[in-house]
Amino acid sequence: MSKITDIVSQMAKPVAESLGCELWDVEFVREAGEWFLRVYIDKEGGVSINDCEAVSRALDPMLDEADPIEQSYNFEVSSAGLERALKRESDFARFMGSPVTVKLYKALDGQKEFNGKLAGYDSGAVTLELSGGASRTFEKDRVASVHLRLE
């Protein structure tokens, strides 16, 4: 059986696209003892509350009918956000040159977070251009997350 997020992604992508949005990500996470299914969308010019509501209203009955999740959960649709996580190779290609924050699993040179401009991505390894023009590459197994950063 496919992962819940894969199943929901397959359902949500055409719904989002039919409403002029792009599916950014799907999460199924447990927080404070409750399960949350979160669908993140994006749109040129930004996502409005109306976009979130439209996707939610269209997708909710489809989820009820397909019933891909056994336990009870809270369903949310929201914008990917300005400081969104970059996960797929296409995300990194799209935002090459943008300011990002790389968070590491373990500290490196006394730091777990590094800010810079995204200068490269290769098989999970992330290269940042740091202030002063120096660059640094973080191997995939060290990187916990990469997020866009507002300056």
N, C-alpha and C. Protein backbone atom coordinates (compact mmCIF):
# COMPACT_ATOMS: atom_id res chain seq x y z
N MET A 1 0.83 -1.19 0.00
CA MET A 1 0.00 0.00 0.00
C MET A 1 0.87 1.25 0.00
N SER A 2 0.47 2.25 -0.76
CA SER A 2 1.21 3.51 -0.83
C SER A 2 1.06 4.27 0.48
N LYS A 3 2.01 5.16 0.72
CA LYS A 3 1.91 6.02 1.88
C LYS A 3 0.70 6.92 1.76
N ILE A 4 0.14 7.29 2.88
CA ILE A 4 -1.03 8.18 2.91
C ILE A 4 -0.75 9.46 2.15
N THR A 5 0.44 10.03 2.34
CA THR A 5 0.75 11.29 1.67
C THR A 5 0.80 11.12 0.15
N ASP A 6 1.25 9.97 -0.32
CA ASP A 6 1.28 9.72 -1.77
C ASP A 6 -0.14 9.62 -2.32
N ILE A 7 -0.99 8.91 -1.62
CA ILE A 7 -2.39 8.74 -2.05
C ILE A 7 -3.09 10.10 -2.09
N VAL A 8 -2.93 10.87 -1.02
CA VAL A 8 -3.58 12.18 -0.95
C VAL A 8 -3.00 13.12 -2.01
N SER A 9 -1.70 13.05 -2.25
CA SER A 9 -1.09 13.89 -3.29
C SER A 9 -1.69 13.60 -4.65
N GLN A 10 -1.88 12.32 -4.95
CA GLN A 10 -2.46 11.94 -6.25
C GLN A 10 -3.88 12.48 -6.38
N MET A 11 -4.60 12.53 -5.28
CA MET A 11 -5.97 13.06 -5.30
C MET A 11 -5.97 14.59 -5.36
N ALA A 12 -5.07 15.22 -4.61
CA ALA A 12 -5.09 16.67 -4.44
C ALA A 12 -4.51 17.43 -5.63
N LYS A 13 -3.55 16.85 -6.32
CA LYS A 13 -2.89 17.57 -7.42
C LYS A 13 -3.88 18.03 -8.49
N PRO A 14 -4.70 17.14 -9.05
CA PRO A 14 -5.64 17.61 -10.08
C PRO A 14 -6.69 18.59 -9.53
N VAL A 15 -7.07 18.42 -8.28
CA VAL A 15 -8.03 19.35 -7.66
C VAL A 15 -7.42 20.74 -7.59
N ALA A 16 -6.21 20.83 -7.06
CA ALA A 16 -5.53 22.13 -6.93
C ALA A 16 -5.34 22.77 -8.31
N GLU A 17 -4.89 21.97 -9.28
CA GLU A 17 -4.65 22.51 -10.62
C GLU A 17 -5.95 22.99 -11.27
N SER A 18 -7.05 22.29 -11.05
CA SER A 18 -8.33 22.70 -11.64
C SER A 18 -8.81 24.03 -11.06
N LEU A 19 -8.28 24.39 -9.90
CA LEU A 19 -8.67 25.64 -9.25
C LEU A 19 -7.58 26.71 -9.38
N GLY A 20 -6.64 26.50 -10.31
CA GLY A 20 -5.61 27.50 -10.59
C GLY A 20 -4.45 27.52 -9.61
N CYS A 21 -4.29 26.45 -8.84
CA CYS A 21 -3.21 26.38 -7.84
C CYS A 21 -2.28 25.23 -8.18
N GLU A 22 -1.18 25.17 -7.46
CA GLU A 22 -0.21 24.09 -7.58
C GLU A 22 -0.14 23.38 -6.23
N LEU A 23 -0.14 22.06 -6.26
CA LEU A 23 0.07 21.31 -5.02
C LEU A 23 1.53 21.43 -4.65
N TRP A 24 1.81 21.92 -3.43
CA TRP A 24 3.20 22.07 -3.00
C TRP A 24 3.66 20.86 -2.18
N ASP A 25 2.82 20.44 -1.22
CA ASP A 25 3.24 19.35 -0.33
C ASP A 25 2.02 18.81 0.40
N VAL A 26 2.16 17.59 0.91
CA VAL A 26 1.15 16.97 1.76
C VAL A 26 1.87 16.38 2.97
N GLU A 27 1.35 16.65 4.15
CA GLU A 27 1.90 16.10 5.39
C GLU A 27 0.80 15.35 6.14
N PHE A 28 1.18 14.26 6.77
CA PHE A 28 0.28 13.57 7.70
C PHE A 28 1.10 13.37 8.97
N VAL A 29 0.80 14.19 9.98
CA VAL A 29 1.64 14.22 11.19
C VAL A 29 0.80 14.15 12.45
N ARG A 30 1.42 13.66 13.51
CA ARG A 30 0.77 13.62 14.82
C ARG A 30 1.35 14.73 15.68
N GLU A 31 0.46 15.57 16.21
CA GLU A 31 0.86 16.68 17.07
C GLU A 31 -0.07 16.74 18.26
N ALA A 32 0.50 16.81 19.43
CA ALA A 32 -0.28 16.93 20.68
C ALA A 32 -1.38 15.87 20.75
N GLY A 33 -1.07 14.67 20.34
CA GLY A 33 -2.00 13.55 20.45
C GLY A 33 -3.06 13.47 19.36
N GLU A 34 -3.01 14.38 18.39
CA GLU A 34 -3.99 14.38 17.30
C GLU A 34 -3.26 14.26 15.97
N TRP A 35 -3.97 13.66 14.98
CA TRP A 35 -3.42 13.53 13.63
C TRP A 35 -3.90 14.69 12.77
N PHE A 36 -3.00 15.21 11.92
CA PHE A 36 -3.31 16.30 11.02
C PHE A 36 -2.91 15.92 9.60
N LEU A 37 -3.84 16.09 8.68
CA LEU A 37 -3.56 15.96 7.25
C LEU A 37 -3.50 17.38 6.72
N ARG A 38 -2.32 17.79 6.25
CA ARG A 38 -2.14 19.15 5.76
C ARG A 38 -1.78 19.12 4.28
N VAL A 39 -2.53 19.87 3.51
CA VAL A 39 -2.28 20.02 2.08
C VAL A 39 -1.82 21.46 1.87
N TYR A 40 -0.62 21.62 1.30
CA TYR A 40 -0.07 22.94 1.06
C TYR A 40 -0.15 23.25 -0.43
N ILE A 41 -0.66 24.46 -0.75
CA ILE A 41 -0.81 24.86 -2.13
C ILE A 41 -0.04 26.14 -2.40
N ASP A 42 0.21 26.40 -3.68
CA ASP A 42 0.91 27.61 -4.10
C ASP A 42 0.22 28.14 -5.34
N LYS A 43 0.43 29.41 -5.63
CA LYS A 43 -0.18 30.02 -6.81
C LYS A 43 0.61 31.27 -7.16
N GLU A 44 0.80 31.50 -8.44
CA GLU A 44 1.45 32.73 -8.90
C GLU A 44 0.69 33.91 -8.31
N GLY A 45 1.40 34.81 -7.67
CA GLY A 45 0.77 35.97 -7.06
C GLY A 45 0.31 35.74 -5.63
N GLY A 46 0.41 34.50 -5.16
CA GLY A 46 0.08 34.19 -3.77
C GLY A 46 -1.27 33.51 -3.61
N VAL A 47 -1.38 32.78 -2.52
CA VAL A 47 -2.58 32.00 -2.20
C VAL A 47 -3.45 32.81 -1.25
N SER A 48 -4.75 32.85 -1.53
CA SER A 48 -5.69 33.55 -0.65
C SER A 48 -6.46 32.53 0.19
N ILE A 49 -7.16 33.03 1.18
CA ILE A 49 -8.01 32.17 2.00
C ILE A 49 -9.09 31.52 1.13
N ASN A 50 -9.54 32.23 0.10
CA ASN A 50 -10.54 31.68 -0.82
C ASN A 50 -9.99 30.49 -1.60
N ASP A 51 -8.70 30.56 -1.98
CA ASP A 51 -8.08 29.43 -2.66
C ASP A 51 -8.04 28.21 -1.75
N CYS A 52 -7.64 28.42 -0.50
CA CYS A 52 -7.57 27.33 0.47
C CYS A 52 -8.95 26.72 0.69
N GLU A 53 -9.94 27.58 0.82
CA GLU A 53 -11.30 27.10 1.03
C GLU A 53 -11.81 26.31 -0.18
N ALA A 54 -11.53 26.79 -1.37
CA ALA A 54 -12.00 26.10 -2.58
C ALA A 54 -11.37 24.72 -2.70
N VAL A 55 -10.07 24.62 -2.45
CA VAL A 55 -9.41 23.32 -2.52
C VAL A 55 -9.94 22.40 -1.43
N SER A 56 -10.12 22.93 -0.24
CA SER A 56 -10.64 22.14 0.87
C SER A 56 -12.04 21.60 0.56
N ARG A 57 -12.91 22.46 0.07
CA ARG A 57 -14.30 22.05 -0.23
C ARG A 57 -14.34 21.00 -1.35
N ALA A 58 -13.45 21.09 -2.31
CA ALA A 58 -13.43 20.13 -3.41
C ALA A 58 -12.79 18.80 -3.00
N LEU A 59 -11.76 18.86 -2.17
CA LEU A 59 -11.01 17.66 -1.80
C LEU A 59 -11.65 16.88 -0.65
N ASP A 60 -12.28 17.57 0.27
CA ASP A 60 -12.84 16.92 1.46
C ASP A 60 -13.80 15.77 1.12
N PRO A 61 -14.78 15.96 0.23
CA PRO A 61 -15.68 14.83 -0.06
C PRO A 61 -14.96 13.68 -0.77
N MET A 62 -13.92 14.01 -1.54
CA MET A 62 -13.14 12.95 -2.21
C MET A 62 -12.40 12.11 -1.17
N LEU A 63 -11.87 12.77 -0.14
CA LEU A 63 -11.18 12.04 0.93
C LEU A 63 -12.16 11.18 1.71
N ASP A 64 -13.35 11.71 1.96
CA ASP A 64 -14.38 10.94 2.67
C ASP A 64 -14.76 9.69 1.88
N GLU A 65 -14.90 9.84 0.57
CA GLU A 65 -15.29 8.70 -0.26
C GLU A 65 -14.18 7.66 -0.38
N ALA A 66 -12.95 8.12 -0.64
CA ALA A 66 -11.83 7.19 -0.81
C ALA A 66 -11.40 6.59 0.53
N ASP A 67 -11.56 7.34 1.61
CA ASP A 67 -11.23 6.91 2.97
C ASP A 67 -9.83 6.29 3.08
N PRO A 68 -8.78 7.05 2.68
CA PRO A 68 -7.42 6.50 2.72
C PRO A 68 -6.77 6.48 4.11
N ILE A 69 -7.46 7.07 5.11
CA ILE A 69 -6.88 7.19 6.44
C ILE A 69 -7.82 6.52 7.44
N GLU A 70 -7.29 5.53 8.16
CA GLU A 70 -8.12 4.75 9.09
C GLU A 70 -8.54 5.55 10.32
N GLN A 71 -7.60 6.26 10.94
CA GLN A 71 -7.90 6.97 12.18
C GLN A 71 -8.52 8.33 11.90
N SER A 72 -9.07 8.95 12.94
CA SER A 72 -9.62 10.29 12.79
C SER A 72 -8.46 11.29 12.66
N TYR A 73 -8.74 12.38 11.95
CA TYR A 73 -7.69 13.38 11.72
C TYR A 73 -8.33 14.73 11.45
N ASN A 74 -7.53 15.77 11.57
CA ASN A 74 -7.93 17.14 11.24
C ASN A 74 -7.40 17.44 9.84
N PHE A 75 -8.25 17.97 8.98
CA PHE A 75 -7.86 18.27 7.61
C PHE A 75 -7.68 19.77 7.44
N GLU A 76 -6.52 20.17 6.90
CA GLU A 76 -6.21 21.59 6.70
C GLU A 76 -5.64 21.80 5.31
N VAL A 77 -6.01 22.90 4.69
CA VAL A 77 -5.40 23.33 3.43
C VAL A 77 -4.85 24.73 3.67
N SER A 78 -3.58 24.93 3.33
CA SER A 78 -3.00 26.26 3.55
C SER A 78 -1.95 26.56 2.49
N SER A 79 -1.52 27.80 2.49
CA SER A 79 -0.46 28.25 1.60
C SER A 79 0.85 27.57 1.99
N ALA A 80 1.70 27.35 1.01
CA ALA A 80 3.03 26.82 1.29
C ALA A 80 3.84 27.81 2.12
N GLY A 81 3.50 29.08 2.04
CA GLY A 81 4.15 30.11 2.85
C GLY A 81 5.41 30.68 2.20
N LEU A 82 5.77 31.86 2.64
CA LEU A 82 6.95 32.53 2.08
C LEU A 82 8.24 31.84 2.50
N GLU A 83 8.24 31.23 3.68
CA GLU A 83 9.44 30.54 4.16
C GLU A 83 9.23 29.02 4.09
N ARG A 84 8.71 28.58 2.95
CA ARG A 84 8.38 27.17 2.74
C ARG A 84 9.61 26.28 2.72
N ALA A 85 9.37 25.02 3.03
CA ALA A 85 10.43 24.02 2.96
C ALA A 85 10.67 23.63 1.51
N LEU A 86 11.93 23.45 1.17
CA LEU A 86 12.31 22.93 -0.15
C LEU A 86 12.61 21.44 0.04
N LYS A 87 11.93 20.59 -0.73
CA LYS A 87 12.09 19.15 -0.55
C LYS A 87 12.47 18.42 -1.83
N ARG A 88 11.84 18.78 -2.93
CA ARG A 88 12.08 18.08 -4.19
C ARG A 88 13.17 18.77 -4.99
N GLU A 89 13.79 18.02 -5.89
CA GLU A 89 14.83 18.59 -6.74
C GLU A 89 14.28 19.80 -7.51
N SER A 90 13.02 19.71 -7.96
CA SER A 90 12.41 20.83 -8.70
C SER A 90 12.26 22.07 -7.82
N ASP A 91 12.05 21.90 -6.52
CA ASP A 91 11.97 23.04 -5.59
C ASP A 91 13.31 23.77 -5.57
N PHE A 92 14.39 22.98 -5.48
CA PHE A 92 15.73 23.58 -5.41
C PHE A 92 16.07 24.28 -6.72
N ALA A 93 15.71 23.67 -7.85
CA ALA A 93 15.97 24.30 -9.15
C ALA A 93 15.20 25.61 -9.29
N ARG A 94 13.95 25.61 -8.86
CA ARG A 94 13.09 26.79 -8.96
C ARG A 94 13.60 27.96 -8.14
N PHE A 95 14.18 27.67 -6.97
CA PHE A 95 14.60 28.74 -6.06
C PHE A 95 16.12 28.90 -5.97
N MET A 96 16.85 28.42 -6.99
CA MET A 96 18.30 28.60 -7.03
C MET A 96 18.61 30.10 -6.98
N GLY A 97 19.55 30.48 -6.12
CA GLY A 97 19.93 31.88 -5.96
C GLY A 97 19.14 32.61 -4.89
N SER A 98 18.12 31.95 -4.34
CA SER A 98 17.28 32.57 -3.30
C SER A 98 17.91 32.41 -1.93
N PRO A 99 17.59 33.32 -1.00
CA PRO A 99 18.07 33.16 0.37
C PRO A 99 17.37 31.99 1.06
N VAL A 100 18.16 31.15 1.73
CA VAL A 100 17.63 29.99 2.42
C VAL A 100 18.30 29.81 3.77
N THR A 101 17.66 29.01 4.62
CA THR A 101 18.25 28.55 5.88
C THR A 101 18.37 27.04 5.80
N VAL A 102 19.57 26.53 6.05
CA VAL A 102 19.81 25.09 6.11
C VAL A 102 19.94 24.72 7.58
N LYS A 103 19.10 23.79 8.02
CA LYS A 103 19.18 23.29 9.40
C LYS A 103 19.80 21.90 9.35
N LEU A 104 20.74 21.66 10.26
CA LEU A 104 21.45 20.39 10.31
C LEU A 104 20.97 19.55 11.48
N TYR A 105 21.14 18.24 11.36
CA TYR A 105 20.81 17.34 12.47
C TYR A 105 21.75 17.55 13.64
N LYS A 106 23.05 17.70 13.33
CA LYS A 106 24.06 17.89 14.37
C LYS A 106 24.87 19.13 14.04
N ALA A 107 25.33 19.81 15.08
CA ALA A 107 26.10 21.04 14.89
C ALA A 107 27.37 20.78 14.09
N LEU A 108 27.71 21.76 13.28
CA LEU A 108 28.94 21.74 12.49
C LEU A 108 29.64 23.07 12.78
N ASP A 109 30.85 23.01 13.27
CA ASP A 109 31.57 24.22 13.68
C ASP A 109 30.76 25.04 14.68
N GLY A 110 30.05 24.33 15.58
CA GLY A 110 29.28 24.99 16.63
C GLY A 110 27.93 25.55 16.19
N GLN A 111 27.50 25.27 14.94
CA GLN A 111 26.23 25.79 14.43
C GLN A 111 25.37 24.67 13.88
N LYS A 112 24.05 24.83 14.08
CA LYS A 112 23.10 23.90 13.47
C LYS A 112 22.31 24.56 12.34
N GLU A 113 22.41 25.89 12.22
CA GLU A 113 21.71 26.62 11.17
C GLU A 113 22.69 27.49 10.40
N PHE A 114 22.53 27.48 9.07
CA PHE A 114 23.36 28.29 8.20
C PHE A 114 22.46 29.04 7.23
N ASN A 115 22.71 30.34 7.09
CA ASN A 115 21.95 31.18 6.15
C ASN A 115 22.85 31.56 4.98
N GLY A 116 22.26 31.59 3.82
CA GLY A 116 22.99 32.00 2.62
C GLY A 116 22.10 31.90 1.41
N LYS A 117 22.70 32.09 0.24
CA LYS A 117 21.95 31.96 -1.01
C LYS A 117 22.15 30.55 -1.54
N LEU A 118 21.08 29.95 -2.00
CA LEU A 118 21.14 28.61 -2.56
C LEU A 118 21.98 28.65 -3.82
N ALA A 119 23.11 27.97 -3.79
CA ALA A 119 24.05 28.01 -4.91
C ALA A 119 24.16 26.68 -5.64
N GLY A 120 23.64 25.60 -5.04
CA GLY A 120 23.72 24.31 -5.71
C GLY A 120 22.94 23.24 -4.98
N TYR A 121 22.54 22.24 -5.77
CA TYR A 121 21.85 21.08 -5.21
C TYR A 121 22.21 19.89 -6.08
N ASP A 122 22.75 18.84 -5.45
CA ASP A 122 23.16 17.66 -6.20
C ASP A 122 22.93 16.41 -5.36
N SER A 123 21.93 15.63 -5.74
CA SER A 123 21.61 14.36 -5.05
C SER A 123 21.43 14.54 -3.55
N GLY A 124 20.82 15.64 -3.15
CA GLY A 124 20.55 15.88 -1.73
C GLY A 124 21.57 16.76 -1.05
N ALA A 125 22.74 16.93 -1.64
CA ALA A 125 23.75 17.83 -1.08
C ALA A 125 23.40 19.26 -1.45
N VAL A 126 23.43 20.15 -0.46
CA VAL A 126 23.02 21.54 -0.65
C VAL A 126 24.25 22.43 -0.51
N THR A 127 24.43 23.33 -1.50
CA THR A 127 25.54 24.28 -1.45
C THR A 127 24.99 25.67 -1.26
N LEU A 128 25.55 26.37 -0.26
CA LEU A 128 25.17 27.75 0.04
C LEU A 128 26.31 28.68 -0.30
N GLU A 129 25.96 29.87 -0.80
CA GLU A 129 26.91 30.96 -0.90
C GLU A 129 26.71 31.77 0.37
N LEU A 130 27.72 31.78 1.21
CA LEU A 130 27.65 32.47 2.50
C LEU A 130 28.05 33.93 2.34
N SER A 131 27.79 34.71 3.38
CA SER A 131 28.20 36.12 3.33
C SER A 131 29.71 36.17 3.14
N GLY A 132 30.17 37.15 2.38
CA GLY A 132 31.59 37.26 2.10
C GLY A 132 32.00 36.49 0.86
N GLY A 133 31.05 35.79 0.23
CA GLY A 133 31.34 35.10 -1.02
C GLY A 133 31.81 33.66 -0.90
N ALA A 134 32.10 33.21 0.31
CA ALA A 134 32.53 31.81 0.49
C ALA A 134 31.33 30.89 0.25
N SER A 135 31.62 29.66 -0.14
CA SER A 135 30.52 28.70 -0.30
C SER A 135 30.80 27.48 0.57
N ARG A 136 29.72 26.78 0.89
CA ARG A 136 29.83 25.60 1.75
C ARG A 136 28.77 24.59 1.31
N THR A 137 29.19 23.33 1.21
CA THR A 137 28.28 22.27 0.81
C THR A 137 27.98 21.39 2.02
N PHE A 138 26.70 21.07 2.17
CA PHE A 138 26.23 20.21 3.26
C PHE A 138 25.72 18.92 2.65
N GLU A 139 26.28 17.81 3.06
CA GLU A 139 25.88 16.52 2.52
C GLU A 139 24.47 16.15 2.98
N LYS A 140 23.78 15.38 2.16
CA LYS A 140 22.38 15.01 2.38
C LYS A 140 22.13 14.45 3.78
N ASP A 141 23.02 13.58 4.28
CA ASP A 141 22.79 12.94 5.58
C ASP A 141 22.94 13.89 6.76
N ARG A 142 23.44 15.08 6.53
CA ARG A 142 23.58 16.09 7.60
C ARG A 142 22.41 17.06 7.64
N VAL A 143 21.68 17.19 6.50
CA VAL A 143 20.66 18.24 6.33
C VAL A 143 19.31 17.77 6.87
N ALA A 144 18.81 18.47 7.89
CA ALA A 144 17.49 18.18 8.44
C ALA A 144 16.41 18.85 7.60
N SER A 145 16.64 20.12 7.20
CA SER A 145 15.66 20.83 6.38
C SER A 145 16.31 22.03 5.70
N VAL A 146 15.66 22.45 4.63
CA VAL A 146 16.04 23.67 3.92
C VAL A 146 14.77 24.48 3.70
N HIS A 147 14.79 25.73 4.15
CA HIS A 147 13.63 26.61 4.02
C HIS A 147 14.03 27.91 3.32
N LEU A 148 13.12 28.44 2.51
CA LEU A 148 13.33 29.79 1.99
C LEU A 148 13.38 30.74 3.17
N ARG A 149 14.11 31.83 3.00
CA ARG A 149 14.27 32.80 4.09
C ARG A 149 13.98 34.20 3.56
N LEU A 150 13.17 34.94 4.29
CA LEU A 150 12.91 36.33 3.94
C LEU A 150 14.08 37.19 4.41
N GLU A 151 14.45 38.12 3.59
CA GLU A 151 15.55 39.03 3.99
C GLU A 151 14.99 40.38 4.34
